[in-house]
Amino acid sequence: MGATNATVGPLAFLDLTWRRMSALVLALAGWLRRFPFRGKIWLWVRIERWLAPAQHVIGLPDGGRMLIDTTKYWQRQMLAGCFERRNVWVVPRLLAPGDGFIDGGANCGLFSCIAAGAVGSTGRVVAIEADPHLYPQLDRQAELNPNLRIEHAALTRTPGQVTFHVAPEGIPDGWGLGIASIEDRPGWTSVDARALTIDEIVDDIIAVTNKPVAMIKLDLEGHEGPALEGARRSLESGRLESLLVENNDTRGVQELLRYTFDAILDVKAGFAEVDPRTVGDKDTDLLFLRGAAFARWQAVRGWTWLM
């Protein structure tokens, strides 16, 4: 039999080129995840267009693992460590092996997976998310990180049931899924969710770790105030050391003014110390620090110039 000369058609050649470029960009994203620096977002948006839409399990710098869906705009940014890069940098630096972490409004689980790596096998992470569209991906994150527990629930002032309203996919700015609000909005879908309090979750974590919960991250689209009312017992007793709170709701800041912290930082302003009473409705994230979390911050604050 004679040899057959196989030829690659133009479409097959383009597909091969695309797949090779996508693999190269995926490898570059792994390198970028390890290094927070100014200008990274500028670089990434110019090369991520070569990334093929797919799901990938990635390793995070502090040891956690995460399922990323690159069909979603913001998850492509997470892939290279470009999404909320200051928060991504500071969270693992305020955690230690054996710590507890609560991710309120976990979305697809970025900060849960980061924290799971930072606290190690003896630590505990609890992720709370009310949007049922995100449950499959979040459940997969828990399979990848054995110290991560997922709660299909909402955080509020009292346990029970609560009705949330979920944004349709694609708004705003390609985010869509994972944006849930206690307030009804035109075109949004109503969902019933189990309601938990922060105090309940703190109790569960301390029962395992035998020490105060190191950090909670809250991104609840305006529901931060009522959720923090459900944390009063933990905040008053010092069993909750630091809080990273999106400033969606001035009620959240007002609630936290009841307590004393060693430092309060405006993350989006480069970790500048701030009087929270002057923040108003500014779009930013506030970091409230005390106890061991404040001591850890003192040790790493010299690196913030990179941010």
C-alpha atoms as a PDB file:
ATOM      1  CA  MET A   1       0.000   0.000   0.000  1.00  0.00           C
ATOM      2  CA  GLY A   2       1.291   3.459  -0.818  1.00  0.00           C
ATOM      3  CA  ALA A   3       1.802   6.158   1.846  1.00  0.00           C
ATOM      4  CA  THR A   4      -0.948   8.754   2.203  1.00  0.00           C
ATOM      5  CA  ASN A   5       0.020  12.399   2.376  1.00  0.00           C
ATOM      6  CA  ALA A   6      -2.328  14.076   4.851  1.00  0.00           C
ATOM      7  CA  THR A   7      -2.934  17.763   4.404  1.00  0.00           C
ATOM      8  CA  VAL A   8      -4.284  20.128   7.002  1.00  0.00           C
ATOM      9  CA  GLY A   9      -7.095  22.330   5.724  1.00  0.00           C
ATOM     10  CA  PRO A  10      -7.259  26.025   6.586  1.00  0.00           C
ATOM     11  CA  LEU A  11     -10.038  25.571   9.158  1.00  0.00           C
ATOM     12  CA  ALA A  12      -8.156  22.752  10.907  1.00  0.00           C
ATOM     13  CA  PHE A  13      -4.985  24.867  10.887  1.00  0.00           C
ATOM     14  CA  LEU A  14      -6.823  27.814  12.447  1.00  0.00           C
ATOM     15  CA  ASP A  15      -8.350  25.540  15.072  1.00  0.00           C
ATOM     16  CA  LEU A  16      -4.916  24.105  15.929  1.00  0.00           C
ATOM     17  CA  THR A  17      -3.427  27.595  16.146  1.00  0.00           C
ATOM     18  CA  TRP A  18      -6.285  28.740  18.399  1.00  0.00           C
ATOM     19  CA  ARG A  19      -5.847  25.789  20.740  1.00  0.00           C
ATOM     20  CA  ARG A  20      -2.088  26.317  20.974  1.00  0.00           C
ATOM     21  CA  MET A  21      -2.511  30.025  21.681  1.00  0.00           C
ATOM     22  CA  SER A  22      -5.166  29.278  24.278  1.00  0.00           C
ATOM     23  CA  ALA A  23      -2.828  26.817  26.033  1.00  0.00           C
ATOM     24  CA  LEU A  24      -0.079  29.448  26.041  1.00  0.00           C
ATOM     25  CA  VAL A  25      -2.405  32.099  27.497  1.00  0.00           C
ATOM     26  CA  LEU A  26      -3.604  29.628  30.136  1.00  0.00           C
ATOM     27  CA  ALA A  27       0.006  28.996  31.174  1.00  0.00           C
ATOM     28  CA  LEU A  28       0.728  32.731  31.275  1.00  0.00           C
ATOM     29  CA  ALA A  29      -2.352  33.261  33.471  1.00  0.00           C
ATOM     30  CA  GLY A  30      -0.870  30.805  35.976  1.00  0.00           C
ATOM     31  CA  TRP A  31       2.254  32.951  36.190  1.00  0.00           C
ATOM     32  CA  LEU A  32       0.257  36.190  36.474  1.00  0.00           C
ATOM     33  CA  ARG A  33      -1.817  34.777  39.349  1.00  0.00           C
ATOM     34  CA  ARG A  34       1.315  34.632  41.469  1.00  0.00           C
ATOM     35  CA  PHE A  35       2.326  38.271  41.092  1.00  0.00           C
ATOM     36  CA  PRO A  36       0.123  41.254  41.983  1.00  0.00           C
ATOM     37  CA  PHE A  37       1.383  44.365  40.244  1.00  0.00           C
ATOM     38  CA  ARG A  38       0.069  47.540  38.708  1.00  0.00           C
ATOM     39  CA  GLY A  39      -0.571  47.235  34.991  1.00  0.00           C
ATOM     40  CA  LYS A  40      -1.445  43.538  35.096  1.00  0.00           C
ATOM     41  CA  ILE A  41      -5.047  44.180  34.074  1.00  0.00           C
ATOM     42  CA  TRP A  42      -3.844  46.276  31.109  1.00  0.00           C
ATOM     43  CA  LEU A  43      -1.670  43.361  29.981  1.00  0.00           C
ATOM     44  CA  TRP A  44      -4.272  40.645  30.557  1.00  0.00           C
ATOM     45  CA  VAL A  45      -7.127  42.251  28.603  1.00  0.00           C
ATOM     46  CA  ARG A  46      -4.864  42.344  25.550  1.00  0.00           C
ATOM     47  CA  ILE A  47      -4.086  38.647  25.587  1.00  0.00           C
ATOM     48  CA  GLU A  48      -7.097  36.945  27.194  1.00  0.00           C
ATOM     49  CA  ARG A  49      -9.011  37.238  23.902  1.00  0.00           C
ATOM     50  CA  TRP A  50      -7.007  34.198  22.760  1.00  0.00           C
ATOM     51  CA  LEU A  51      -8.375  32.106  25.605  1.00  0.00           C
ATOM     52  CA  ALA A  52     -10.770  29.391  24.433  1.00  0.00           C
ATOM     53  CA  PRO A  53     -14.075  29.158  26.371  1.00  0.00           C
ATOM     54  CA  ALA A  54     -13.775  26.157  28.660  1.00  0.00           C
ATOM     55  CA  GLN A  55     -13.722  25.022  32.278  1.00  0.00           C
ATOM     56  CA  HIS A  56     -10.370  24.622  34.002  1.00  0.00           C
ATOM     57  CA  VAL A  57      -9.322  23.487  37.461  1.00  0.00           C
ATOM     58  CA  ILE A  58      -6.493  25.793  38.499  1.00  0.00           C
ATOM     59  CA  GLY A  59      -4.077  25.901  41.398  1.00  0.00           C
ATOM     60  CA  LEU A  60      -4.046  29.100  43.441  1.00  0.00           C
ATOM     61  CA  PRO A  61      -0.821  30.601  44.854  1.00  0.00           C
ATOM     62  CA  ASP A  62      -1.645  29.757  48.467  1.00  0.00           C
ATOM     63  CA  GLY A  63      -2.551  26.139  47.815  1.00  0.00           C
ATOM     64  CA  GLY A  64      -6.291  26.199  47.114  1.00  0.00           C
ATOM     65  CA  ARG A  65      -7.839  24.821  43.939  1.00  0.00           C
ATOM     66  CA  MET A  66     -10.647  26.350  41.914  1.00  0.00           C
ATOM     67  CA  LEU A  67     -12.899  25.499  38.991  1.00  0.00           C
ATOM     68  CA  ILE A  68     -12.905  28.462  36.574  1.00  0.00           C
ATOM     69  CA  ASP A  69     -15.430  28.877  33.740  1.00  0.00           C
ATOM     70  CA  THR A  70     -13.823  31.062  31.063  1.00  0.00           C
ATOM     71  CA  THR A  71     -17.138  31.590  29.265  1.00  0.00           C
ATOM     72  CA  LYS A  72     -17.813  34.116  32.072  1.00  0.00           C
ATOM     73  CA  TYR A  73     -16.119  37.496  31.697  1.00  0.00           C
ATOM     74  CA  TRP A  74     -15.262  38.039  35.371  1.00  0.00           C
ATOM     75  CA  GLN A  75     -14.004  34.499  35.825  1.00  0.00           C
ATOM     76  CA  ARG A  76     -11.518  35.105  33.022  1.00  0.00           C
ATOM     77  CA  GLN A  77     -10.235  38.005  35.115  1.00  0.00           C
ATOM     78  CA  MET A  78     -10.015  35.728  38.161  1.00  0.00           C
ATOM     79  CA  LEU A  79      -7.943  33.285  36.119  1.00  0.00           C
ATOM     80  CA  ALA A  80      -5.046  35.750  35.987  1.00  0.00           C
ATOM     81  CA  GLY A  81      -5.578  37.269  39.448  1.00  0.00           C
ATOM     82  CA  CYS A  82      -6.954  40.497  37.995  1.00  0.00           C
ATOM     83  CA  PHE A  83     -10.338  40.515  39.729  1.00  0.00           C
ATOM     84  CA  GLU A  84     -10.240  42.618  42.932  1.00  0.00           C
ATOM     85  CA  ARG A  85      -6.487  42.122  43.000  1.00  0.00           C
ATOM     86  CA  ARG A  86      -5.941  44.048  46.252  1.00  0.00           C
ATOM     87  CA  ASN A  87      -8.477  41.852  48.034  1.00  0.00           C
ATOM     88  CA  VAL A  88      -6.981  38.737  46.451  1.00  0.00           C
ATOM     89  CA  TRP A  89      -3.562  39.823  47.729  1.00  0.00           C
ATOM     90  CA  VAL A  90      -4.547  40.722  51.288  1.00  0.00           C
ATOM     91  CA  VAL A  91      -6.951  37.902  52.245  1.00  0.00           C
ATOM     92  CA  PRO A  92      -4.415  35.040  52.404  1.00  0.00           C
ATOM     93  CA  ARG A  93      -1.896  37.283  54.172  1.00  0.00           C
ATOM     94  CA  LEU A  94      -4.293  37.799  57.053  1.00  0.00           C
ATOM     95  CA  LEU A  95      -4.906  34.062  57.443  1.00  0.00           C
ATOM     96  CA  ALA A  96      -2.798  31.280  58.937  1.00  0.00           C
ATOM     97  CA  PRO A  97      -3.052  27.481  59.068  1.00  0.00           C
ATOM     98  CA  GLY A  98      -5.857  26.412  61.384  1.00  0.00           C
ATOM     99  CA  ASP A  99      -7.854  29.644  60.970  1.00  0.00           C
ATOM    100  CA  GLY A 100     -11.528  30.069  60.123  1.00  0.00           C
ATOM    101  CA  PHE A 101     -12.871  32.150  57.216  1.00  0.00           C
ATOM    102  CA  ILE A 102     -16.438  33.040  56.190  1.00  0.00           C
ATOM    103  CA  ASP A 103     -17.264  34.041  52.611  1.00  0.00           C
ATOM    104  CA  GLY A 104     -20.580  35.894  52.658  1.00  0.00           C
ATOM    105  CA  GLY A 105     -21.919  36.280  49.126  1.00  0.00           C
ATOM    106  CA  ALA A 106     -19.442  33.752  47.748  1.00  0.00           C
ATOM    107  CA  ASN A 107     -20.550  33.899  44.094  1.00  0.00           C
ATOM    108  CA  CYS A 108     -18.422  31.309  42.247  1.00  0.00           C
ATOM    109  CA  GLY A 109     -16.128  30.826  45.252  1.00  0.00           C
ATOM    110  CA  LEU A 110     -12.941  32.777  44.471  1.00  0.00           C
ATOM    111  CA  PHE A 111     -12.243  33.967  48.020  1.00  0.00           C
ATOM    112  CA  SER A 112     -13.428  30.673  49.504  1.00  0.00           C
ATOM    113  CA  CYS A 113     -10.845  28.778  47.457  1.00  0.00           C
ATOM    114  CA  ILE A 114      -8.097  31.293  48.251  1.00  0.00           C
ATOM    115  CA  ALA A 115      -8.875  31.009  51.960  1.00  0.00           C
ATOM    116  CA  ALA A 116      -9.081  27.205  51.800  1.00  0.00           C
ATOM    117  CA  GLY A 117      -5.468  27.110  50.677  1.00  0.00           C
ATOM    118  CA  ALA A 118      -4.313  29.654  53.247  1.00  0.00           C
ATOM    119  CA  VAL A 119      -5.898  27.991  56.315  1.00  0.00           C
ATOM    120  CA  GLY A 120      -4.803  24.482  55.387  1.00  0.00           C
ATOM    121  CA  SER A 121      -6.309  21.151  56.332  1.00  0.00           C
ATOM    122  CA  THR A 122      -6.781  22.126  59.985  1.00  0.00           C
ATOM    123  CA  GLY A 123      -8.665  25.324  59.111  1.00  0.00           C
ATOM    124  CA  ARG A 124     -12.265  25.747  58.072  1.00  0.00           C
ATOM    125  CA  VAL A 125     -13.929  27.863  55.371  1.00  0.00           C
ATOM    126  CA  VAL A 126     -17.681  28.357  55.017  1.00  0.00           C
ATOM    127  CA  ALA A 127     -19.098  29.873  51.815  1.00  0.00           C
ATOM    128  CA  ILE A 128     -22.640  31.266  51.783  1.00  0.00           C
ATOM    129  CA  GLU A 129     -24.465  31.979  48.516  1.00  0.00           C
ATOM    130  CA  ALA A 130     -28.175  32.553  47.831  1.00  0.00           C
ATOM    131  CA  ASP A 131     -28.200  32.294  44.007  1.00  0.00           C
ATOM    132  CA  PRO A 132     -29.145  28.722  42.964  1.00  0.00           C
ATOM    133  CA  HIS A 133     -27.539  29.204  39.542  1.00  0.00           C
ATOM    134  CA  LEU A 134     -24.156  29.133  41.255  1.00  0.00           C
ATOM    135  CA  TYR A 135     -24.652  26.031  43.393  1.00  0.00           C
ATOM    136  CA  PRO A 136     -23.151  23.509  40.915  1.00  0.00           C
ATOM    137  CA  GLN A 137     -19.897  25.431  40.570  1.00  0.00           C
ATOM    138  CA  LEU A 138     -19.687  26.136  44.305  1.00  0.00           C
ATOM    139  CA  ASP A 139     -20.305  22.489  45.130  1.00  0.00           C
ATOM    140  CA  ARG A 140     -17.429  21.587  42.808  1.00  0.00           C
ATOM    141  CA  GLN A 141     -15.160  24.005  44.700  1.00  0.00           C
ATOM    142  CA  ALA A 142     -15.936  22.093  47.898  1.00  0.00           C
ATOM    143  CA  GLU A 143     -14.976  18.826  46.192  1.00  0.00           C
ATOM    144  CA  LEU A 144     -11.631  20.386  45.253  1.00  0.00           C
ATOM    145  CA  ASN A 145     -11.034  21.815  48.751  1.00  0.00           C
ATOM    146  CA  PRO A 146     -12.020  19.385  51.546  1.00  0.00           C
ATOM    147  CA  ASN A 147     -11.900  22.091  54.253  1.00  0.00           C
ATOM    148  CA  LEU A 148     -14.542  24.178  52.418  1.00  0.00           C
ATOM    149  CA  ARG A 149     -18.240  23.917  53.310  1.00  0.00           C
ATOM    150  CA  ILE A 150     -20.949  25.384  51.070  1.00  0.00           C
ATOM    151  CA  GLU A 151     -24.196  26.766  52.465  1.00  0.00           C
ATOM    152  CA  HIS A 152     -26.972  27.316  49.909  1.00  0.00           C
ATOM    153  CA  ALA A 153     -28.373  30.157  51.972  1.00  0.00           C
ATOM    154  CA  ALA A 154     -28.467  33.885  52.669  1.00  0.00           C
ATOM    155  CA  LEU A 155     -27.034  35.849  55.579  1.00  0.00           C
ATOM    156  CA  THR A 156     -29.407  38.047  57.546  1.00  0.00           C
ATOM    157  CA  ARG A 157     -30.278  39.169  61.087  1.00  0.00           C
ATOM    158  CA  THR A 158     -32.308  36.104  62.113  1.00  0.00           C
ATOM    159  CA  PRO A 159     -32.387  32.457  60.964  1.00  0.00           C
ATOM    160  CA  GLY A 160     -35.316  31.112  58.961  1.00  0.00           C
ATOM    161  CA  GLN A 161     -36.362  31.857  55.370  1.00  0.00           C
ATOM    162  CA  VAL A 162     -35.899  34.946  53.196  1.00  0.00           C
ATOM    163  CA  THR A 163     -36.847  35.935  49.636  1.00  0.00           C
ATOM    164  CA  PHE A 164     -34.019  37.177  47.432  1.00  0.00           C
ATOM    165  CA  HIS A 165     -34.091  38.604  43.914  1.00  0.00           C
ATOM    166  CA  VAL A 166     -31.537  37.382  41.395  1.00  0.00           C
ATOM    167  CA  ALA A 167     -30.246  39.280  38.367  1.00  0.00           C
ATOM    168  CA  PRO A 168     -30.583  37.740  34.901  1.00  0.00           C
ATOM    169  CA  GLU A 169     -27.333  36.550  33.364  1.00  0.00           C
ATOM    170  CA  GLY A 170     -25.411  39.184  31.450  1.00  0.00           C
ATOM    171  CA  ILE A 171     -26.046  42.233  33.660  1.00  0.00           C
ATOM    172  CA  PRO A 172     -24.331  44.259  34.848  1.00  0.00           C
ATOM    173  CA  ASP A 173     -21.131  44.258  32.777  1.00  0.00           C
ATOM    174  CA  GLY A 174     -21.269  40.556  32.028  1.00  0.00           C
ATOM    175  CA  TRP A 175     -21.472  39.592  35.700  1.00  0.00           C
ATOM    176  CA  GLY A 176     -25.138  38.681  36.047  1.00  0.00           C
ATOM    177  CA  LEU A 177     -25.244  35.356  37.829  1.00  0.00           C
ATOM    178  CA  GLY A 178     -24.415  35.799  41.471  1.00  0.00           C
ATOM    179  CA  ILE A 179     -25.883  39.269  41.853  1.00  0.00           C
ATOM    180  CA  ALA A 180     -28.697  38.872  44.369  1.00  0.00           C
ATOM    181  CA  SER A 181     -30.535  41.528  46.332  1.00  0.00           C
ATOM    182  CA  ILE A 182     -33.043  41.561  49.158  1.00  0.00           C
ATOM    183  CA  GLU A 183     -34.823  44.338  47.253  1.00  0.00           C
ATOM    184  CA  ASP A 184     -37.133  43.509  44.346  1.00  0.00           C
ATOM    185  CA  ARG A 185     -35.937  44.938  41.017  1.00  0.00           C
ATOM    186  CA  PRO A 186     -37.663  44.921  37.604  1.00  0.00           C
ATOM    187  CA  GLY A 187     -36.779  41.862  35.540  1.00  0.00           C
ATOM    188  CA  TRP A 188     -35.125  39.994  38.394  1.00  0.00           C
ATOM    189  CA  THR A 189     -36.199  36.515  39.535  1.00  0.00           C
ATOM    190  CA  SER A 190     -37.461  35.883  43.055  1.00  0.00           C
ATOM    191  CA  VAL A 191     -35.948  32.935  44.924  1.00  0.00           C
ATOM    192  CA  ASP A 192     -36.597  31.631  48.414  1.00  0.00           C
ATOM    193  CA  ALA A 193     -33.487  30.940  50.440  1.00  0.00           C
ATOM    194  CA  ARG A 194     -32.660  29.505  53.827  1.00  0.00           C
ATOM    195  CA  ALA A 195     -31.489  32.309  56.119  1.00  0.00           C
ATOM    196  CA  LEU A 196     -28.476  31.925  58.405  1.00  0.00           C
ATOM    197  CA  THR A 197     -26.773  34.289  60.826  1.00  0.00           C
ATOM    198  CA  ILE A 198     -23.062  34.969  61.032  1.00  0.00           C
ATOM    199  CA  ASP A 199     -23.175  34.064  64.731  1.00  0.00           C
ATOM    200  CA  GLU A 200     -24.368  30.539  63.859  1.00  0.00           C
ATOM    201  CA  ILE A 201     -21.523  30.010  61.423  1.00  0.00           C
ATOM    202  CA  VAL A 202     -18.919  31.439  63.803  1.00  0.00           C
ATOM    203  CA  ASP A 203     -20.118  28.935  66.432  1.00  0.00           C
ATOM    204  CA  ASP A 204     -19.698  26.051  63.977  1.00  0.00           C
ATOM    205  CA  ILE A 205     -16.175  27.079  62.938  1.00  0.00           C
ATOM    206  CA  ILE A 206     -14.915  27.689  66.482  1.00  0.00           C
ATOM    207  CA  ALA A 207     -16.202  24.257  67.505  1.00  0.00           C
ATOM    208  CA  VAL A 208     -13.570  22.853  65.105  1.00  0.00           C
ATOM    209  CA  THR A 209     -10.698  25.373  65.281  1.00  0.00           C
ATOM    210  CA  ASN A 210     -10.992  26.365  68.980  1.00  0.00           C
ATOM    211  CA  LYS A 211     -10.053  29.972  68.268  1.00  0.00           C
ATOM    212  CA  PRO A 212     -11.682  33.172  66.961  1.00  0.00           C
ATOM    213  CA  VAL A 213     -12.659  33.304  63.302  1.00  0.00           C
ATOM    214  CA  ALA A 214      -9.883  35.216  61.553  1.00  0.00           C
ATOM    215  CA  MET A 215     -11.925  36.898  58.811  1.00  0.00           C
ATOM    216  CA  ILE A 216     -15.264  37.313  57.105  1.00  0.00           C
ATOM    217  CA  LYS A 217     -15.714  38.730  53.613  1.00  0.00           C
ATOM    218  CA  LEU A 218     -19.118  40.290  52.943  1.00  0.00           C
ATOM    219  CA  ASP A 219     -20.360  41.192  49.456  1.00  0.00           C
ATOM    220  CA  LEU A 220     -24.149  41.128  49.793  1.00  0.00           C
ATOM    221  CA  GLU A 221     -25.309  43.787  47.325  1.00  0.00           C
ATOM    222  CA  GLY A 222     -26.697  46.151  49.934  1.00  0.00           C
ATOM    223  CA  HIS A 223     -27.661  43.615  52.604  1.00  0.00           C
ATOM    224  CA  GLU A 224     -24.493  43.990  54.668  1.00  0.00           C
ATOM    225  CA  GLY A 225     -26.244  45.879  57.487  1.00  0.00           C
ATOM    226  CA  PRO A 226     -28.858  43.222  58.349  1.00  0.00           C
ATOM    227  CA  ALA A 227     -26.259  40.470  57.987  1.00  0.00           C
ATOM    228  CA  LEU A 228     -23.961  42.224  60.471  1.00  0.00           C
ATOM    229  CA  GLU A 229     -26.837  42.534  62.920  1.00  0.00           C
ATOM    230  CA  GLY A 230     -26.722  38.738  62.932  1.00  0.00           C
ATOM    231  CA  ALA A 231     -23.066  38.900  64.009  1.00  0.00           C
ATOM    232  CA  ARG A 232     -23.439  41.015  67.156  1.00  0.00           C
ATOM    233  CA  ARG A 233     -22.668  38.229  69.600  1.00  0.00           C
ATOM    234  CA  SER A 234     -19.455  37.334  67.733  1.00  0.00           C
ATOM    235  CA  LEU A 235     -18.357  40.939  67.300  1.00  0.00           C
ATOM    236  CA  GLU A 236     -19.003  41.894  70.909  1.00  0.00           C
ATOM    237  CA  SER A 237     -17.103  38.868  72.239  1.00  0.00           C
ATOM    238  CA  GLY A 238     -14.117  39.294  69.906  1.00  0.00           C
ATOM    239  CA  ARG A 239     -14.731  35.932  68.240  1.00  0.00           C
ATOM    240  CA  LEU A 240     -14.616  37.597  64.819  1.00  0.00           C
ATOM    241  CA  GLU A 241     -11.300  39.377  64.247  1.00  0.00           C
ATOM    242  CA  SER A 242     -11.394  41.049  60.838  1.00  0.00           C
ATOM    243  CA  LEU A 243     -13.990  41.974  58.247  1.00  0.00           C
ATOM    244  CA  LEU A 244     -13.657  42.785  54.547  1.00  0.00           C
ATOM    245  CA  VAL A 245     -16.924  44.530  53.717  1.00  0.00           C
ATOM    246  CA  GLU A 246     -18.108  45.957  50.404  1.00  0.00           C
ATOM    247  CA  ASN A 247     -19.495  49.420  51.056  1.00  0.00           C
ATOM    248  CA  ASN A 248     -22.845  48.833  49.366  1.00  0.00           C
ATOM    249  CA  ASP A 249     -24.907  49.801  52.354  1.00  0.00           C
ATOM    250  CA  THR A 250     -24.133  52.561  54.876  1.00  0.00           C
ATOM    251  CA  ARG A 251     -26.045  50.450  57.417  1.00  0.00           C
ATOM    252  CA  GLY A 252     -23.130  48.037  57.392  1.00  0.00           C
ATOM    253  CA  VAL A 253     -20.662  50.753  58.403  1.00  0.00           C
ATOM    254  CA  GLN A 254     -23.078  52.081  61.005  1.00  0.00           C
ATOM    255  CA  GLU A 255     -23.375  48.625  62.518  1.00  0.00           C
ATOM    256  CA  LEU A 256     -19.598  48.197  62.729  1.00  0.00           C
ATOM    257  CA  LEU A 257     -19.145  51.581  64.409  1.00  0.00           C
ATOM    258  CA  ARG A 258     -20.519  49.870  67.530  1.00  0.00           C
ATOM    259  CA  TYR A 259     -17.192  48.056  67.928  1.00  0.00           C
ATOM    260  CA  THR A 260     -13.517  48.953  68.366  1.00  0.00           C
ATOM    261  CA  PHE A 261     -10.910  48.048  65.742  1.00  0.00           C
ATOM    262  CA  ASP A 262      -7.157  48.585  65.618  1.00  0.00           C
ATOM    263  CA  ALA A 263      -7.328  49.860  62.030  1.00  0.00           C
ATOM    264  CA  ILE A 264      -9.924  50.508  59.314  1.00  0.00           C
ATOM    265  CA  LEU A 265      -8.602  50.613  55.750  1.00  0.00           C
ATOM    266  CA  ASP A 266     -10.019  51.716  52.405  1.00  0.00           C
ATOM    267  CA  VAL A 267      -8.844  48.899  50.137  1.00  0.00           C
ATOM    268  CA  LYS A 268      -9.533  50.591  46.798  1.00  0.00           C
ATOM    269  CA  ALA A 269      -7.632  53.653  48.006  1.00  0.00           C
ATOM    270  CA  GLY A 270      -4.487  51.564  48.371  1.00  0.00           C
ATOM    271  CA  PHE A 271      -5.181  50.426  51.957  1.00  0.00           C
ATOM    272  CA  ALA A 272      -5.281  53.983  53.271  1.00  0.00           C
ATOM    273  CA  GLU A 273      -6.488  54.310  56.856  1.00  0.00           C
ATOM    274  CA  VAL A 274      -9.918  55.909  56.909  1.00  0.00           C
ATOM    275  CA  ASP A 275     -12.612  57.145  59.247  1.00  0.00           C
ATOM    276  CA  PRO A 276     -15.604  55.035  58.103  1.00  0.00           C
ATOM    277  CA  ARG A 277     -17.998  57.840  59.068  1.00  0.00           C
ATOM    278  CA  THR A 278     -16.601  59.873  56.157  1.00  0.00           C
ATOM    279  CA  VAL A 279     -16.967  57.162  53.507  1.00  0.00           C
ATOM    280  CA  GLY A 280     -20.698  57.640  52.836  1.00  0.00           C
ATOM    281  CA  ASP A 281     -21.858  55.637  49.820  1.00  0.00           C
ATOM    282  CA  LYS A 282     -18.443  55.542  48.134  1.00  0.00           C
ATOM    283  CA  ASP A 283     -17.934  52.431  46.016  1.00  0.00           C
ATOM    284  CA  THR A 284     -15.113  50.729  47.885  1.00  0.00           C
ATOM    285  CA  ASP A 285     -14.190  47.861  50.194  1.00  0.00           C
ATOM    286  CA  LEU A 286     -13.431  48.510  53.849  1.00  0.00           C
ATOM    287  CA  LEU A 287     -11.109  46.296  55.884  1.00  0.00           C
ATOM    288  CA  PHE A 288     -11.725  46.270  59.650  1.00  0.00           C
ATOM    289  CA  LEU A 289      -8.800  44.815  61.622  1.00  0.00           C
ATOM    290  CA  ARG A 290      -8.116  43.776  65.209  1.00  0.00           C
ATOM    291  CA  GLY A 291      -6.400  41.012  67.152  1.00  0.00           C
ATOM    292  CA  ALA A 292      -4.165  38.571  65.270  1.00  0.00           C
ATOM    293  CA  ALA A 293      -5.393  39.895  61.911  1.00  0.00           C
ATOM    294  CA  PHE A 294      -4.080  43.374  62.763  1.00  0.00           C
ATOM    295  CA  ALA A 295      -0.707  41.937  63.794  1.00  0.00           C
ATOM    296  CA  ARG A 296      -0.454  40.111  60.466  1.00  0.00           C
ATOM    297  CA  TRP A 297      -1.361  43.293  58.636  1.00  0.00           C
ATOM    298  CA  GLN A 298       1.463  45.125  60.389  1.00  0.00           C
ATOM    299  CA  ALA A 299       3.872  42.508  59.048  1.00  0.00           C
ATOM    300  CA  VAL A 300       2.818  42.850  55.378  1.00  0.00           C
ATOM    301  CA  ARG A 301       1.745  46.476  55.028  1.00  0.00           C
ATOM    302  CA  GLY A 302       5.123  47.476  53.610  1.00  0.00           C
ATOM    303  CA  TRP A 303       4.309  45.603  50.402  1.00  0.00           C
ATOM    304  CA  THR A 304       1.218  47.640  49.539  1.00  0.00           C
ATOM    305  CA  TRP A 305       3.223  49.865  47.188  1.00  0.00           C
ATOM    306  CA  LEU A 306       2.943  47.012  44.662  1.00  0.00           C
ATOM    307  CA  MET A 307      -0.812  47.472  44.639  1.00  0.00           C
END
